[in-house]
Amino acid sequence: MPRNQKERMVFAFLTVIITVHAFVFYSLYVVNGTNLMTTTGMNSVIGAINSQGGVYMLANYLPIWIVILVESIFAFSLECLFGQPLSFKFASMNFNPKETHPVLFETAIIASTVAIMCPLMSFIANILYYPYDDGFNAFTFLANYFKLVCLNFPFAFFSQLFFIQPLIRTVFKTIYKRN
């Protein structure tokens, strides 16, 4: 869909804005919500986050907007450096873009992007959210990393395939007035 570097950057930016917000919600509410409420004794996730002074990141409790900003910077950088360029190449290895139906080829690009970005962003998240107060252990780091990939991959795949990318493509077509 994007035809030049500027359009690719806009497309990546739109994707990152929606995806990071979705993943912060998913991580805080779905994956860690019960644990947060149990630890703090609160009856809501937002109450638990507020009672502990924010979201744990880099051995500090930070406001949620900082968490979103930091993750957005990493996601945008990785999407532009690795996600977009490699996903098209991976999809092209299995499908000829000129002969394959556009929906099937776009689905292959989405699947390739998730296959690239999920392990990369899970690694970044593992660094950002590792429990440094307990000391560093390489085995714990690796176990947490694989746990994150296993938890994030299904959510990333299905949310990108059925919600985020169709929304972003619609917005992108509206911005650039294309069919």
Protein backbone atom coordinates (compact mmCIF):
# COMPACT_ATOMS: atom_id res chain seq x y z
CA MET A 1 0.00 0.00 0.00
CA PRO A 2 2.58 2.64 0.93
CA ARG A 3 4.43 3.65 -2.22
CA ASN A 4 7.34 5.73 -0.93
CA GLN A 5 9.39 6.27 2.21
CA LYS A 6 7.15 9.03 3.59
CA GLU A 7 4.05 6.88 3.18
CA ARG A 8 5.81 3.91 4.79
CA MET A 9 6.67 6.10 7.79
CA VAL A 10 3.06 7.31 8.09
CA PHE A 11 1.79 3.74 7.81
CA ALA A 12 4.28 2.57 10.47
CA PHE A 13 3.37 5.48 12.75
CA LEU A 14 -0.36 4.74 12.52
CA THR A 15 0.25 1.05 13.14
CA VAL A 16 2.47 1.70 16.15
CA ILE A 17 0.04 4.13 17.77
CA ILE A 18 -2.80 1.59 17.72
CA THR A 19 -0.64 -1.47 18.43
CA VAL A 20 1.22 -0.06 21.44
CA HIS A 21 -2.00 1.08 23.10
CA ALA A 22 -3.55 -2.34 22.46
CA PHE A 23 -0.53 -4.15 23.89
CA VAL A 24 -0.27 -1.96 26.98
CA PHE A 25 -3.94 -2.65 27.68
CA TYR A 26 -3.46 -6.37 26.97
CA SER A 27 -0.35 -6.63 29.16
CA LEU A 28 -1.74 -4.67 32.10
CA TYR A 29 -5.33 -5.86 32.12
CA VAL A 30 -5.40 -9.32 30.55
CA VAL A 31 -1.99 -10.79 31.36
CA ASN A 32 -1.09 -9.04 34.63
CA GLY A 33 -4.39 -7.59 35.86
CA THR A 34 -5.23 -10.27 38.42
CA ASN A 35 -1.67 -10.28 39.76
CA LEU A 36 -1.67 -6.48 40.10
CA MET A 37 -4.99 -6.48 41.96
CA THR A 38 -3.89 -9.34 44.25
CA THR A 39 -0.55 -7.72 45.06
CA THR A 40 -2.03 -4.33 45.88
CA GLY A 41 -5.35 -5.47 47.34
CA MET A 42 -7.29 -3.23 44.97
CA ASN A 43 -10.45 -4.30 43.16
CA SER A 44 -9.58 -2.73 39.78
CA VAL A 45 -6.50 -2.79 37.60
CA ILE A 46 -6.33 1.00 37.26
CA GLY A 47 -6.67 1.29 41.04
CA ALA A 48 -3.83 -1.20 41.46
CA ILE A 49 -1.62 0.72 39.03
CA ASN A 50 -2.38 4.02 40.78
CA SER A 51 -1.81 2.57 44.26
CA GLN A 52 1.67 1.33 43.34
CA GLY A 53 2.57 4.67 41.75
CA GLY A 54 2.46 3.65 38.10
CA VAL A 55 3.67 0.82 35.90
CA TYR A 56 6.89 -1.01 36.78
CA MET A 57 9.55 -0.29 34.15
CA LEU A 58 13.34 -0.33 34.49
CA ALA A 59 13.09 -0.90 38.27
CA ASN A 60 10.90 2.21 38.72
CA TYR A 61 7.20 2.92 38.77
CA LEU A 62 6.38 5.27 35.91
CA PRO A 63 3.17 6.90 34.67
CA ILE A 64 1.43 4.93 31.96
CA TRP A 65 1.96 7.68 29.35
CA ILE A 66 5.74 7.27 29.74
CA VAL A 67 5.36 3.51 29.24
CA ILE A 68 3.39 4.13 26.05
CA LEU A 69 5.90 6.71 24.82
CA VAL A 70 8.92 4.46 25.43
CA GLU A 71 7.28 1.43 23.82
CA SER A 72 6.13 3.56 20.87
CA ILE A 73 9.67 4.79 20.20
CA PHE A 74 11.03 1.24 20.24
CA ALA A 75 8.16 -0.14 18.15
CA PHE A 76 8.39 2.61 15.52
CA SER A 77 12.16 2.21 15.22
CA LEU A 78 11.99 -1.58 14.92
CA GLU A 79 9.05 -1.42 12.51
CA CYS A 80 10.92 0.95 10.19
CA LEU A 81 14.28 -0.84 10.45
CA PHE A 82 13.15 -4.47 10.38
CA GLY A 83 9.39 -5.02 10.27
CA GLN A 84 8.42 -3.32 7.02
CA PRO A 85 11.47 -4.15 4.90
CA LEU A 86 11.73 -7.80 5.93
CA SER A 87 8.02 -8.63 5.97
CA PHE A 88 7.62 -7.80 2.27
CA LYS A 89 10.70 -9.89 1.45
CA PHE A 90 9.44 -12.85 3.50
CA ALA A 91 5.98 -12.66 1.94
CA SER A 92 7.53 -12.41 -1.53
CA MET A 93 9.54 -15.56 -0.89
CA ASN A 94 6.32 -17.57 -0.75
CA PHE A 95 3.96 -15.55 -2.94
CA ASN A 96 4.44 -13.63 -6.16
CA PRO A 97 2.95 -10.17 -5.47
CA LYS A 98 1.89 -9.75 -9.10
CA GLU A 99 0.08 -13.10 -9.34
CA THR A 100 -1.30 -13.48 -5.81
CA HIS A 101 -4.66 -12.02 -4.79
CA PRO A 102 -3.97 -8.77 -2.85
CA VAL A 103 -5.83 -9.96 0.27
CA LEU A 104 -3.75 -13.12 0.45
CA PHE A 105 -0.52 -11.21 -0.13
CA GLU A 106 -1.43 -8.59 2.51
CA THR A 107 -2.21 -11.42 4.93
CA ALA A 108 1.24 -12.90 4.24
CA ILE A 109 2.82 -9.50 4.94
CA ILE A 110 0.87 -9.16 8.20
CA ALA A 111 1.89 -12.66 9.31
CA SER A 112 5.52 -11.93 8.41
CA THR A 113 5.46 -8.63 10.29
CA VAL A 114 4.08 -10.32 13.40
CA ALA A 115 6.71 -13.06 13.09
CA ILE A 116 9.42 -10.38 13.06
CA MET A 117 8.04 -7.78 15.46
CA CYS A 118 6.66 -10.04 18.20
CA PRO A 119 10.02 -11.59 19.17
CA LEU A 120 11.77 -8.21 18.84
CA MET A 121 9.27 -6.27 20.95
CA SER A 122 9.02 -9.13 23.46
CA PHE A 123 12.80 -8.88 23.90
CA ILE A 124 12.56 -5.12 24.43
CA ALA A 125 9.68 -5.60 26.88
CA ASN A 126 11.70 -8.22 28.71
CA ILE A 127 14.50 -5.71 29.18
CA LEU A 128 12.13 -2.92 30.22
CA TYR A 129 10.00 -4.95 32.65
CA TYR A 130 12.54 -7.40 34.05
CA PRO A 131 12.39 -7.52 37.90
CA TYR A 132 15.80 -5.93 38.46
CA ASP A 133 15.09 -5.49 42.18
CA ASP A 134 15.48 -9.27 42.54
CA GLY A 135 18.88 -9.24 40.81
CA PHE A 136 19.64 -10.39 37.28
CA ASN A 137 19.63 -14.04 36.26
CA ALA A 138 20.17 -15.07 32.63
CA PHE A 139 17.91 -18.13 32.95
CA THR A 140 15.10 -16.02 34.41
CA PHE A 141 15.61 -13.51 31.60
CA LEU A 142 15.34 -16.25 28.94
CA ALA A 143 12.34 -17.87 30.64
CA ASN A 144 10.57 -14.50 30.85
CA TYR A 145 11.41 -13.82 27.21
CA PHE A 146 9.93 -17.09 25.95
CA LYS A 147 6.88 -16.58 28.18
CA LEU A 148 6.36 -13.12 26.68
CA VAL A 149 6.64 -14.42 23.12
CA CYS A 150 4.15 -17.21 23.86
CA LEU A 151 1.68 -14.78 25.45
CA ASN A 152 2.12 -12.00 22.90
CA PHE A 153 2.22 -13.92 19.62
CA PRO A 154 -1.42 -15.08 19.47
CA PHE A 155 -2.69 -11.65 20.53
CA ALA A 156 -0.39 -9.91 18.02
CA PHE A 157 -1.35 -12.20 15.17
CA PHE A 158 -5.11 -12.06 15.60
CA SER A 159 -5.32 -8.39 16.54
CA GLN A 160 -3.15 -7.37 13.57
CA LEU A 161 -4.94 -9.66 11.12
CA PHE A 162 -8.54 -8.91 12.08
CA PHE A 163 -8.55 -5.49 13.72
CA ILE A 164 -5.47 -3.29 13.59
CA GLN A 165 -4.30 -3.70 9.97
CA PRO A 166 -7.79 -3.44 8.43
CA LEU A 167 -8.34 -0.26 10.47
CA ILE A 168 -4.93 1.18 9.53
CA ARG A 169 -5.41 0.34 5.84
CA THR A 170 -8.80 2.06 5.86
CA VAL A 171 -7.36 5.15 7.55
CA PHE A 172 -4.38 5.12 5.19
CA LYS A 173 -6.63 4.91 2.13
CA THR A 174 -8.69 7.80 3.49
CA ILE A 175 -5.59 9.94 4.06
CA TYR A 176 -4.15 9.25 0.62
CA LYS A 177 -7.52 8.94 -1.20
CA ARG A 178 -6.85 5.56 -2.82
CA ASN A 179 -9.00 2.59 -3.75
